[in-house]
Amino acid sequence: MADVTIWHNPRCSKSRQTLALIKEQGSSAEIVKYLETSPGADELRTILKKLGISARELMRTKEAIYKELDLKHVEDEEELIAAMAKHPKLIERPIVIMGNRAVLGRPPEKVIDFLK
C-alpha cells in the first residue's frame, strides 16, 4: 500500500519534482492523474478540508478556462467546486494526501516537512 496519494499531472514540472521528492524521502505514492480521472465535488470538498483552504485558493486562476467562465467574480464556494469538478484543469497541482492531511506541493519542498 502506498504511503501517500498524489494528484499528479506528468506534464507539470512542479508535479514531477514533488513526485521525485516523495520517492527520495523513501515513501511510495499512489498516483492519481486527476486530469484523466476527474474528482467529483464531494472529493474536492474532502480535499479542501484536508488542505484547510478555500476553493478559490485551490484554483489555477491564470488558466484560460478560469477567465472564460468569469470565475473571478464568483463568491459561492459550491459554484467554484462545481467548476473544478467539471474542468479539472482549474485544480492547482500537485496535491499530496496522507490520511486526514493534505498539502499543495508548491513549492515542491513543502512535501518534505509534510512527510515527516
N, C-alpha and C. Protein backbone atom coordinates (compact mmCIF):
# COMPACT_ATOMS: atom_id res chain seq x y z
N MET A 1 0.84 -1.19 0.00
CA MET A 1 0.00 0.00 0.00
C MET A 1 0.88 1.25 0.00
N ALA A 2 0.50 2.24 -0.75
CA ALA A 2 1.27 3.47 -0.87
C ALA A 2 1.19 4.28 0.43
N ASP A 3 2.26 5.01 0.72
CA ASP A 3 2.31 5.87 1.90
C ASP A 3 1.43 7.11 1.70
N VAL A 4 1.44 7.63 0.47
CA VAL A 4 0.70 8.86 0.16
C VAL A 4 0.01 8.71 -1.20
N THR A 5 -0.91 9.61 -1.45
CA THR A 5 -1.54 9.73 -2.76
C THR A 5 -1.16 11.08 -3.31
N ILE A 6 -0.84 11.14 -4.60
CA ILE A 6 -0.53 12.41 -5.23
C ILE A 6 -1.45 12.62 -6.41
N TRP A 7 -2.11 13.78 -6.43
CA TRP A 7 -2.87 14.19 -7.61
C TRP A 7 -1.83 14.81 -8.52
N HIS A 8 -1.58 14.15 -9.62
CA HIS A 8 -0.40 14.39 -10.43
C HIS A 8 -0.76 14.73 -11.87
N ASN A 9 0.00 15.66 -12.43
CA ASN A 9 -0.04 15.95 -13.85
C ASN A 9 1.38 15.76 -14.36
N PRO A 10 1.65 14.67 -15.09
CA PRO A 10 3.01 14.38 -15.54
C PRO A 10 3.62 15.46 -16.44
N ARG A 11 2.79 16.34 -17.01
CA ARG A 11 3.32 17.41 -17.87
C ARG A 11 3.78 18.63 -17.06
N CYS A 12 3.49 18.64 -15.77
CA CYS A 12 3.81 19.77 -14.90
C CYS A 12 5.14 19.53 -14.18
N SER A 13 6.08 20.45 -14.33
CA SER A 13 7.40 20.27 -13.71
C SER A 13 7.30 20.22 -12.19
N LYS A 14 6.45 21.04 -11.59
CA LYS A 14 6.30 21.04 -10.12
C LYS A 14 5.74 19.71 -9.64
N SER A 15 4.84 19.15 -10.41
CA SER A 15 4.26 17.87 -10.06
C SER A 15 5.32 16.76 -10.16
N ARG A 16 6.12 16.80 -11.21
CA ARG A 16 7.19 15.80 -11.36
C ARG A 16 8.23 15.95 -10.25
N GLN A 17 8.58 17.18 -9.90
CA GLN A 17 9.54 17.42 -8.82
C GLN A 17 9.01 16.91 -7.49
N THR A 18 7.73 17.14 -7.24
CA THR A 18 7.12 16.68 -6.00
C THR A 18 7.14 15.17 -5.92
N LEU A 19 6.78 14.50 -7.00
CA LEU A 19 6.81 13.03 -7.03
C LEU A 19 8.22 12.52 -6.78
N ALA A 20 9.22 13.16 -7.38
CA ALA A 20 10.61 12.76 -7.15
C ALA A 20 11.00 12.93 -5.68
N LEU A 21 10.57 14.02 -5.06
CA LEU A 21 10.88 14.25 -3.65
C LEU A 21 10.23 13.20 -2.76
N ILE A 22 9.02 12.80 -3.08
CA ILE A 22 8.33 11.75 -2.32
C ILE A 22 9.18 10.48 -2.36
N LYS A 23 9.64 10.13 -3.55
CA LYS A 23 10.46 8.91 -3.70
C LYS A 23 11.80 9.06 -2.99
N GLU A 24 12.41 10.24 -3.08
CA GLU A 24 13.70 10.49 -2.40
C GLU A 24 13.56 10.36 -0.88
N GLN A 25 12.40 10.69 -0.35
CA GLN A 25 12.15 10.59 1.09
C GLN A 25 11.84 9.15 1.51
N GLY A 26 11.85 8.23 0.55
CA GLY A 26 11.62 6.82 0.86
C GLY A 26 10.16 6.44 0.96
N SER A 27 9.28 7.29 0.49
CA SER A 27 7.85 7.00 0.52
C SER A 27 7.39 6.48 -0.84
N SER A 28 6.32 5.74 -0.81
CA SER A 28 5.71 5.30 -2.06
C SER A 28 4.43 6.11 -2.28
N ALA A 29 4.06 6.26 -3.53
CA ALA A 29 2.90 7.10 -3.84
C ALA A 29 1.95 6.40 -4.79
N GLU A 30 0.67 6.53 -4.46
CA GLU A 30 -0.38 6.17 -5.41
C GLU A 30 -0.57 7.41 -6.28
N ILE A 31 -0.43 7.25 -7.57
CA ILE A 31 -0.51 8.38 -8.49
C ILE A 31 -1.91 8.45 -9.09
N VAL A 32 -2.56 9.60 -8.90
CA VAL A 32 -3.87 9.85 -9.48
C VAL A 32 -3.69 10.93 -10.53
N LYS A 33 -3.88 10.57 -11.77
CA LYS A 33 -3.80 11.55 -12.85
C LYS A 33 -5.17 12.22 -12.93
N TYR A 34 -5.32 13.26 -12.13
CA TYR A 34 -6.62 13.88 -11.93
C TYR A 34 -7.21 14.52 -13.18
N LEU A 35 -6.37 14.79 -14.19
CA LEU A 35 -6.92 15.32 -15.44
C LEU A 35 -7.62 14.23 -16.24
N GLU A 36 -7.21 12.98 -16.01
CA GLU A 36 -7.82 11.84 -16.69
C GLU A 36 -8.99 11.28 -15.89
N THR A 37 -8.85 11.28 -14.57
CA THR A 37 -9.88 10.78 -13.66
C THR A 37 -10.30 11.95 -12.79
N SER A 38 -11.22 12.73 -13.27
CA SER A 38 -11.62 13.96 -12.59
C SER A 38 -12.28 13.68 -11.25
N PRO A 39 -11.87 14.41 -10.21
CA PRO A 39 -12.53 14.25 -8.92
C PRO A 39 -13.91 14.89 -8.95
N GLY A 40 -14.83 14.30 -8.24
CA GLY A 40 -16.16 14.87 -8.13
C GLY A 40 -16.20 15.96 -7.07
N ALA A 41 -17.33 16.61 -6.95
CA ALA A 41 -17.49 17.71 -5.99
C ALA A 41 -17.26 17.23 -4.56
N ASP A 42 -17.76 16.06 -4.20
CA ASP A 42 -17.58 15.55 -2.84
C ASP A 42 -16.10 15.32 -2.54
N GLU A 43 -15.39 14.75 -3.49
CA GLU A 43 -13.96 14.50 -3.31
C GLU A 43 -13.20 15.82 -3.18
N LEU A 44 -13.59 16.81 -3.96
CA LEU A 44 -12.95 18.12 -3.86
C LEU A 44 -13.21 18.77 -2.50
N ARG A 45 -14.44 18.65 -1.99
CA ARG A 45 -14.75 19.18 -0.66
C ARG A 45 -13.86 18.52 0.40
N THR A 46 -13.69 17.21 0.28
CA THR A 46 -12.84 16.47 1.23
C THR A 46 -11.40 16.96 1.16
N ILE A 47 -10.89 17.14 -0.03
CA ILE A 47 -9.51 17.62 -0.21
C ILE A 47 -9.36 19.03 0.34
N LEU A 48 -10.32 19.88 0.07
CA LEU A 48 -10.26 21.26 0.59
C LEU A 48 -10.21 21.26 2.11
N LYS A 49 -10.99 20.38 2.73
CA LYS A 49 -10.99 20.29 4.19
C LYS A 49 -9.62 19.82 4.69
N LYS A 50 -9.05 18.82 4.02
CA LYS A 50 -7.73 18.32 4.42
C LYS A 50 -6.64 19.37 4.22
N LEU A 51 -6.79 20.16 3.16
CA LEU A 51 -5.82 21.22 2.89
C LEU A 51 -6.03 22.43 3.81
N GLY A 52 -7.26 22.62 4.26
CA GLY A 52 -7.58 23.77 5.09
C GLY A 52 -7.59 25.07 4.32
N ILE A 53 -8.03 25.00 3.05
CA ILE A 53 -8.07 26.20 2.21
C ILE A 53 -9.44 26.31 1.54
N SER A 54 -9.67 27.46 0.94
CA SER A 54 -10.92 27.69 0.21
C SER A 54 -10.80 27.15 -1.21
N ALA A 55 -11.92 27.03 -1.86
CA ALA A 55 -11.94 26.57 -3.25
C ALA A 55 -11.12 27.50 -4.14
N ARG A 56 -11.25 28.79 -3.93
CA ARG A 56 -10.50 29.76 -4.74
C ARG A 56 -8.99 29.54 -4.60
N GLU A 57 -8.54 29.22 -3.39
CA GLU A 57 -7.11 29.00 -3.16
C GLU A 57 -6.58 27.76 -3.88
N LEU A 58 -7.47 26.87 -4.26
CA LEU A 58 -7.08 25.65 -4.96
C LEU A 58 -7.16 25.82 -6.48
N MET A 59 -7.58 26.99 -6.93
CA MET A 59 -7.80 27.19 -8.35
C MET A 59 -6.60 27.82 -9.05
N ARG A 60 -6.40 27.37 -10.28
CA ARG A 60 -5.39 27.95 -11.17
C ARG A 60 -6.05 29.14 -11.88
N THR A 61 -5.86 30.30 -11.31
CA THR A 61 -6.57 31.49 -11.77
C THR A 61 -6.02 32.06 -13.08
N LYS A 62 -4.89 31.54 -13.54
CA LYS A 62 -4.34 32.03 -14.80
C LYS A 62 -4.72 31.16 -15.99
N GLU A 63 -5.47 30.10 -15.74
CA GLU A 63 -5.93 29.23 -16.83
C GLU A 63 -6.96 29.97 -17.68
N ALA A 64 -6.94 29.72 -18.96
CA ALA A 64 -7.88 30.35 -19.89
C ALA A 64 -9.33 30.05 -19.49
N ILE A 65 -9.59 28.81 -19.05
CA ILE A 65 -10.96 28.43 -18.71
C ILE A 65 -11.47 29.24 -17.51
N TYR A 66 -10.58 29.63 -16.61
CA TYR A 66 -10.95 30.47 -15.46
C TYR A 66 -11.51 31.80 -15.96
N LYS A 67 -10.81 32.36 -16.93
CA LYS A 67 -11.25 33.65 -17.50
C LYS A 67 -12.52 33.46 -18.34
N GLU A 68 -12.56 32.38 -19.12
CA GLU A 68 -13.73 32.12 -19.97
C GLU A 68 -15.02 31.99 -19.14
N LEU A 69 -14.89 31.32 -17.99
CA LEU A 69 -16.06 31.11 -17.13
C LEU A 69 -16.33 32.31 -16.22
N ASP A 70 -15.46 33.31 -16.29
CA ASP A 70 -15.58 34.53 -15.48
C ASP A 70 -15.70 34.20 -13.99
N LEU A 71 -14.80 33.33 -13.52
CA LEU A 71 -14.85 32.87 -12.14
C LEU A 71 -14.29 33.89 -11.14
N LYS A 72 -13.63 34.90 -11.64
CA LYS A 72 -13.04 35.92 -10.78
C LYS A 72 -14.08 36.55 -9.85
N HIS A 73 -15.29 36.69 -10.34
CA HIS A 73 -16.34 37.37 -9.59
C HIS A 73 -17.27 36.42 -8.83
N VAL A 74 -17.01 35.12 -8.93
CA VAL A 74 -17.85 34.13 -8.25
C VAL A 74 -17.41 34.02 -6.79
N GLU A 75 -18.36 34.18 -5.88
CA GLU A 75 -18.07 34.10 -4.44
C GLU A 75 -18.51 32.77 -3.84
N ASP A 76 -19.45 32.11 -4.48
CA ASP A 76 -20.04 30.89 -3.95
C ASP A 76 -19.07 29.70 -4.05
N GLU A 77 -18.69 29.15 -2.89
CA GLU A 77 -17.76 28.01 -2.84
C GLU A 77 -18.26 26.84 -3.67
N GLU A 78 -19.55 26.55 -3.57
CA GLU A 78 -20.10 25.41 -4.29
C GLU A 78 -20.00 25.59 -5.81
N GLU A 79 -20.17 26.79 -6.26
CA GLU A 79 -20.04 27.07 -7.69
C GLU A 79 -18.59 26.88 -8.15
N LEU A 80 -17.65 27.31 -7.32
CA LEU A 80 -16.23 27.12 -7.65
C LEU A 80 -15.85 25.64 -7.64
N ILE A 81 -16.35 24.91 -6.66
CA ILE A 81 -16.09 23.47 -6.58
C ILE A 81 -16.68 22.77 -7.80
N ALA A 82 -17.88 23.14 -8.19
CA ALA A 82 -18.53 22.54 -9.37
C ALA A 82 -17.71 22.83 -10.63
N ALA A 83 -17.15 24.04 -10.72
CA ALA A 83 -16.33 24.39 -11.89
C ALA A 83 -15.07 23.52 -11.93
N MET A 84 -14.44 23.28 -10.77
CA MET A 84 -13.24 22.43 -10.74
C MET A 84 -13.59 20.98 -11.07
N ALA A 85 -14.73 20.52 -10.61
CA ALA A 85 -15.15 19.14 -10.91
C ALA A 85 -15.40 18.97 -12.41
N LYS A 86 -15.96 19.99 -13.02
CA LYS A 86 -16.26 19.92 -14.45
C LYS A 86 -15.02 20.18 -15.30
N HIS A 87 -14.12 21.03 -14.80
CA HIS A 87 -12.91 21.42 -15.53
C HIS A 87 -11.69 21.21 -14.63
N PRO A 88 -11.21 19.97 -14.49
CA PRO A 88 -10.11 19.69 -13.55
C PRO A 88 -8.82 20.46 -13.84
N LYS A 89 -8.71 21.02 -15.03
CA LYS A 89 -7.54 21.84 -15.35
C LYS A 89 -7.45 23.05 -14.41
N LEU A 90 -8.57 23.40 -13.80
CA LEU A 90 -8.60 24.52 -12.86
C LEU A 90 -7.95 24.19 -11.51
N ILE A 91 -7.75 22.91 -11.23
CA ILE A 91 -7.22 22.49 -9.93
C ILE A 91 -5.71 22.68 -9.90
N GLU A 92 -5.25 23.39 -8.86
CA GLU A 92 -3.81 23.57 -8.67
C GLU A 92 -3.19 22.21 -8.35
N ARG A 93 -1.96 22.04 -8.74
CA ARG A 93 -1.28 20.76 -8.52
C ARG A 93 0.15 21.01 -8.13
N PRO A 94 0.76 19.99 -7.61
CA PRO A 94 0.23 18.68 -7.19
C PRO A 94 -0.33 18.76 -5.78
N ILE A 95 -1.20 17.83 -5.47
CA ILE A 95 -1.74 17.70 -4.12
C ILE A 95 -1.27 16.36 -3.58
N VAL A 96 -0.68 16.39 -2.40
CA VAL A 96 -0.22 15.16 -1.75
C VAL A 96 -1.10 14.92 -0.54
N ILE A 97 -1.62 13.70 -0.44
CA ILE A 97 -2.59 13.35 0.60
C ILE A 97 -2.04 12.21 1.43
N MET A 98 -2.14 12.36 2.75
CA MET A 98 -1.74 11.29 3.67
C MET A 98 -2.74 11.29 4.82
N GLY A 99 -3.57 10.26 4.85
CA GLY A 99 -4.57 10.17 5.90
C GLY A 99 -5.54 11.34 5.87
N ASN A 100 -5.64 12.04 6.99
CA ASN A 100 -6.56 13.17 7.11
C ASN A 100 -5.90 14.50 6.77
N ARG A 101 -4.71 14.45 6.21
CA ARG A 101 -3.99 15.67 5.88
C ARG A 101 -3.66 15.71 4.40
N ALA A 102 -3.43 16.91 3.91
CA ALA A 102 -3.00 17.09 2.53
C ALA A 102 -2.18 18.36 2.45
N VAL A 103 -1.36 18.44 1.42
CA VAL A 103 -0.54 19.62 1.19
C VAL A 103 -0.46 19.86 -0.31
N LEU A 104 -0.41 21.12 -0.66
CA LEU A 104 -0.21 21.52 -2.04
C LEU A 104 1.30 21.60 -2.26
N GLY A 105 1.80 20.88 -3.25
CA GLY A 105 3.24 20.81 -3.49
C GLY A 105 3.78 22.02 -4.24
N ARG A 106 3.49 23.19 -3.75
CA ARG A 106 4.01 24.44 -4.33
C ARG A 106 4.54 25.29 -3.21
N PRO A 107 5.82 25.40 -3.06
CA PRO A 107 6.84 24.73 -3.84
C PRO A 107 6.95 23.25 -3.45
N PRO A 108 7.55 22.44 -4.30
CA PRO A 108 7.64 21.01 -4.04
C PRO A 108 8.26 20.66 -2.69
N GLU A 109 9.16 21.50 -2.19
CA GLU A 109 9.84 21.22 -0.93
C GLU A 109 8.89 21.17 0.27
N LYS A 110 7.68 21.72 0.13
CA LYS A 110 6.70 21.65 1.21
C LYS A 110 6.37 20.21 1.58
N VAL A 111 6.57 19.32 0.63
CA VAL A 111 6.23 17.91 0.83
C VAL A 111 7.20 17.25 1.81
N ILE A 112 8.43 17.71 1.86
CA ILE A 112 9.43 17.10 2.75
C ILE A 112 8.97 17.18 4.19
N ASP A 113 8.61 18.36 4.68
CA ASP A 113 8.13 18.50 6.05
C ASP A 113 6.82 17.75 6.25
N PHE A 114 5.97 17.75 5.24
CA PHE A 114 4.68 17.07 5.32
C PHE A 114 4.86 15.57 5.57
N LEU A 115 5.88 14.97 4.97
CA LEU A 115 6.09 13.52 5.08
C LEU A 115 6.71 13.11 6.41
N LYS A 116 7.20 14.06 7.18
CA LYS A 116 7.85 13.72 8.46
C LYS A 116 6.85 13.40 9.54
